[in-house]
Amino acid sequence: MGNNSKIKVILVVEDDDISYQFLRIVLQKANIKVLHAEDGEQAIEMCKKNKNIDLVLMDIQLPVIDGLEATKQIRIIRKELPIIAQTANTMNEEKEKCFKAGCNDYIAKPFNKNKLLKIVNKYLI
């Protein structure tokens, strides 16, 4: 391994199992450790407890606490943590909501593997 040999950790917040499995496979192939939360409440708890998380891939439509609210709460505890929204709705007002909540970036669903890795790498390097 190179100088930057610390394995990166991404928290994938996704309630849809098929989407999660796709993300897990793509990220693990890129030598990234994947943690999983199924709702916003779990995501907030995991970010509080696990200081190793390097990045969050946040689904916006989630049960219990939605992705926007979870992002706002994570921002309070981990100001520097990159959070990338994943949303099927790429209309401008949706993007605007993501940025207002504190997301650094967003990726549209359905996922494009190369775009996903490009955005993730932008924040992990």
C-alpha atoms as a PDB file:
ATOM      1  CA  MET A   1       0.000   0.000   0.000  1.00  0.00           C
ATOM      2  CA  GLY A   2       1.019   3.612  -0.564  1.00  0.00           C
ATOM      3  CA  ASN A   3       1.604   6.368   1.994  1.00  0.00           C
ATOM      4  CA  ASN A   4      -2.103   6.805   2.545  1.00  0.00           C
ATOM      5  CA  SER A   5      -2.565   3.206   3.677  1.00  0.00           C
ATOM      6  CA  LYS A   6      -5.343   3.840   6.206  1.00  0.00           C
ATOM      7  CA  ILE A   7      -8.418   2.097   4.876  1.00  0.00           C
ATOM      8  CA  LYS A   8     -11.200   4.638   4.343  1.00  0.00           C
ATOM      9  CA  VAL A   9     -14.559   4.099   6.006  1.00  0.00           C
ATOM     10  CA  ILE A  10     -17.843   5.133   4.406  1.00  0.00           C
ATOM     11  CA  LEU A  11     -21.179   5.045   6.165  1.00  0.00           C
ATOM     12  CA  VAL A  12     -23.888   4.161   3.641  1.00  0.00           C
ATOM     13  CA  VAL A  13     -27.291   5.330   4.874  1.00  0.00           C
ATOM     14  CA  GLU A  14     -29.760   3.465   2.704  1.00  0.00           C
ATOM     15  CA  ASP A  15     -33.035   1.684   3.501  1.00  0.00           C
ATOM     16  CA  ASP A  16     -33.291  -0.057   0.130  1.00  0.00           C
ATOM     17  CA  ASP A  17     -31.344  -3.315   0.263  1.00  0.00           C
ATOM     18  CA  ILE A  18     -30.648  -3.518  -3.485  1.00  0.00           C
ATOM     19  CA  SER A  19     -29.201  -0.001  -3.545  1.00  0.00           C
ATOM     20  CA  TYR A  20     -27.150  -0.772  -0.440  1.00  0.00           C
ATOM     21  CA  GLN A  21     -25.751  -4.010  -1.871  1.00  0.00           C
ATOM     22  CA  PHE A  22     -24.747  -2.214  -5.097  1.00  0.00           C
ATOM     23  CA  LEU A  23     -22.962   0.543  -3.144  1.00  0.00           C
ATOM     24  CA  ARG A  24     -21.302  -1.982  -0.820  1.00  0.00           C
ATOM     25  CA  ILE A  25     -19.883  -4.019  -3.704  1.00  0.00           C
ATOM     26  CA  VAL A  26     -18.603  -0.988  -5.642  1.00  0.00           C
ATOM     27  CA  LEU A  27     -17.007   0.581  -2.567  1.00  0.00           C
ATOM     28  CA  GLN A  28     -15.470  -2.640  -1.242  1.00  0.00           C
ATOM     29  CA  LYS A  29     -13.881  -3.274  -4.645  1.00  0.00           C
ATOM     30  CA  ALA A  30     -12.308   0.194  -4.263  1.00  0.00           C
ATOM     31  CA  ASN A  31     -10.810  -1.006  -0.944  1.00  0.00           C
ATOM     32  CA  ILE A  32     -13.191   1.019   1.217  1.00  0.00           C
ATOM     33  CA  LYS A  33     -14.703  -0.309   4.431  1.00  0.00           C
ATOM     34  CA  VAL A  34     -18.495   0.040   4.382  1.00  0.00           C
ATOM     35  CA  LEU A  35     -20.753   0.594   7.379  1.00  0.00           C
ATOM     36  CA  HIS A  36     -24.529   0.538   6.993  1.00  0.00           C
ATOM     37  CA  ALA A  37     -27.396   2.447   8.594  1.00  0.00           C
ATOM     38  CA  GLU A  38     -30.981   1.868   7.477  1.00  0.00           C
ATOM     39  CA  ASP A  39     -32.413   5.149   8.736  1.00  0.00           C
ATOM     40  CA  GLY A  40     -31.389   8.624   9.784  1.00  0.00           C
ATOM     41  CA  GLU A  41     -31.536   7.855  13.490  1.00  0.00           C
ATOM     42  CA  GLN A  42     -29.037   4.984  13.131  1.00  0.00           C
ATOM     43  CA  ALA A  43     -26.809   7.218  10.986  1.00  0.00           C
ATOM     44  CA  ILE A  44     -26.676   9.940  13.661  1.00  0.00           C
ATOM     45  CA  GLU A  45     -25.844   7.379  16.375  1.00  0.00           C
ATOM     46  CA  MET A  46     -23.107   5.791  14.263  1.00  0.00           C
ATOM     47  CA  CYS A  47     -21.514   9.174  13.526  1.00  0.00           C
ATOM     48  CA  LYS A  48     -21.535   9.983  17.262  1.00  0.00           C
ATOM     49  CA  LYS A  49     -19.913   6.679  18.226  1.00  0.00           C
ATOM     50  CA  ASN A  50     -17.554   6.032  15.322  1.00  0.00           C
ATOM     51  CA  LYS A  51     -14.876   8.668  14.738  1.00  0.00           C
ATOM     52  CA  ASN A  52     -13.360   6.506  11.962  1.00  0.00           C
ATOM     53  CA  ILE A  53     -16.109   7.360   9.481  1.00  0.00           C
ATOM     54  CA  ASP A  54     -14.475   9.356   6.650  1.00  0.00           C
ATOM     55  CA  LEU A  55     -17.576  10.040   4.556  1.00  0.00           C
ATOM     56  CA  VAL A  56     -21.352   9.528   4.606  1.00  0.00           C
ATOM     57  CA  LEU A  57     -23.453   8.548   1.586  1.00  0.00           C
ATOM     58  CA  MET A  58     -26.867   9.760   2.739  1.00  0.00           C
ATOM     59  CA  ASP A  59     -30.100   8.641   1.127  1.00  0.00           C
ATOM     60  CA  ILE A  60     -32.600  11.485   1.410  1.00  0.00           C
ATOM     61  CA  GLN A  61     -35.802   9.416   1.614  1.00  0.00           C
ATOM     62  CA  LEU A  62     -35.430   7.404   4.803  1.00  0.00           C
ATOM     63  CA  PRO A  63     -37.705   6.025   7.501  1.00  0.00           C
ATOM     64  CA  VAL A  64     -37.690   7.386  11.090  1.00  0.00           C
ATOM     65  CA  ILE A  65     -35.535  10.484  10.434  1.00  0.00           C
ATOM     66  CA  ASP A  66     -35.077  11.553   6.809  1.00  0.00           C
ATOM     67  CA  GLY A  67     -31.698  12.225   5.234  1.00  0.00           C
ATOM     68  CA  LEU A  68     -31.946  16.012   5.386  1.00  0.00           C
ATOM     69  CA  GLU A  69     -32.705  16.065   9.110  1.00  0.00           C
ATOM     70  CA  ALA A  70     -30.038  13.424   9.796  1.00  0.00           C
ATOM     71  CA  THR A  71     -27.506  15.533   7.875  1.00  0.00           C
ATOM     72  CA  LYS A  72     -28.343  18.611   9.971  1.00  0.00           C
ATOM     73  CA  GLN A  73     -27.848  16.632  13.182  1.00  0.00           C
ATOM     74  CA  ILE A  74     -24.602  14.988  12.021  1.00  0.00           C
ATOM     75  CA  ARG A  75     -23.286  18.449  11.074  1.00  0.00           C
ATOM     76  CA  ILE A  76     -23.625  19.497  14.739  1.00  0.00           C
ATOM     77  CA  ILE A  77     -21.393  16.661  15.957  1.00  0.00           C
ATOM     78  CA  ARG A  78     -19.032  16.218  12.975  1.00  0.00           C
ATOM     79  CA  LYS A  79     -18.651  19.578  11.190  1.00  0.00           C
ATOM     80  CA  GLU A  80     -15.882  18.435   8.817  1.00  0.00           C
ATOM     81  CA  LEU A  81     -17.385  15.080   7.809  1.00  0.00           C
ATOM     82  CA  PRO A  82     -18.169  14.996   4.064  1.00  0.00           C
ATOM     83  CA  ILE A  83     -21.803  14.052   3.452  1.00  0.00           C
ATOM     84  CA  ILE A  84     -22.967  13.172  -0.051  1.00  0.00           C
ATOM     85  CA  ALA A  85     -26.708  13.050  -0.643  1.00  0.00           C
ATOM     86  CA  GLN A  86     -28.098  10.280  -2.809  1.00  0.00           C
ATOM     87  CA  THR A  87     -31.371  11.168  -4.388  1.00  0.00           C
ATOM     88  CA  ALA A  88     -33.581  10.043  -7.226  1.00  0.00           C
ATOM     89  CA  ASN A  89     -34.893  13.596  -7.454  1.00  0.00           C
ATOM     90  CA  THR A  90     -32.303  15.780  -9.187  1.00  0.00           C
ATOM     91  CA  MET A  91     -34.473  18.851  -9.603  1.00  0.00           C
ATOM     92  CA  ASN A  92     -32.781  22.079  -8.548  1.00  0.00           C
ATOM     93  CA  GLU A  93     -34.935  22.662  -5.495  1.00  0.00           C
ATOM     94  CA  GLU A  94     -34.059  19.172  -4.220  1.00  0.00           C
ATOM     95  CA  LYS A  95     -30.342  19.857  -4.709  1.00  0.00           C
ATOM     96  CA  GLU A  96     -30.780  23.178  -2.937  1.00  0.00           C
ATOM     97  CA  LYS A  97     -32.412  21.431   0.053  1.00  0.00           C
ATOM     98  CA  CYS A  98     -29.489  18.996   0.224  1.00  0.00           C
ATOM     99  CA  PHE A  99     -26.926  21.809   0.298  1.00  0.00           C
ATOM    100  CA  LYS A 100     -28.958  23.829   2.824  1.00  0.00           C
ATOM    101  CA  ALA A 101     -29.114  20.815   5.144  1.00  0.00           C
ATOM    102  CA  GLY A 102     -25.315  20.619   5.039  1.00  0.00           C
ATOM    103  CA  CYS A 103     -24.520  18.102   2.301  1.00  0.00           C
ATOM    104  CA  ASN A 104     -21.226  18.667   0.480  1.00  0.00           C
ATOM    105  CA  ASP A 105     -22.400  17.077  -2.754  1.00  0.00           C
ATOM    106  CA  TYR A 106     -25.035  14.784  -4.200  1.00  0.00           C
ATOM    107  CA  ILE A 107     -25.260  11.845  -6.566  1.00  0.00           C
ATOM    108  CA  ALA A 108     -28.301  10.907  -8.594  1.00  0.00           C
ATOM    109  CA  LYS A 109     -30.002   7.520  -8.486  1.00  0.00           C
ATOM    110  CA  PRO A 110     -29.834   5.192 -10.303  1.00  0.00           C
ATOM    111  CA  PHE A 111     -26.115   5.138  -9.587  1.00  0.00           C
ATOM    112  CA  ASN A 112     -23.420   5.296 -12.183  1.00  0.00           C
ATOM    113  CA  LYS A 113     -20.459   3.367 -10.754  1.00  0.00           C
ATOM    114  CA  ASN A 114     -17.794   5.673 -12.227  1.00  0.00           C
ATOM    115  CA  LYS A 115     -19.548   8.871 -11.130  1.00  0.00           C
ATOM    116  CA  LEU A 116     -19.988   7.416  -7.659  1.00  0.00           C
ATOM    117  CA  LEU A 117     -16.287   6.599  -7.301  1.00  0.00           C
ATOM    118  CA  LYS A 118     -15.267   9.961  -8.730  1.00  0.00           C
ATOM    119  CA  ILE A 119     -17.381  11.876  -6.173  1.00  0.00           C
ATOM    120  CA  VAL A 120     -16.271   9.636  -3.297  1.00  0.00           C
ATOM    121  CA  ASN A 121     -12.580   9.997  -4.229  1.00  0.00           C
ATOM    122  CA  LYS A 122     -12.924  13.773  -4.420  1.00  0.00           C
ATOM    123  CA  TYR A 123     -13.643  13.807  -0.670  1.00  0.00           C
ATOM    124  CA  LEU A 124     -11.434  10.935   0.482  1.00  0.00           C
ATOM    125  CA  ILE A 125      -8.078  12.042  -0.960  1.00  0.00           C
END
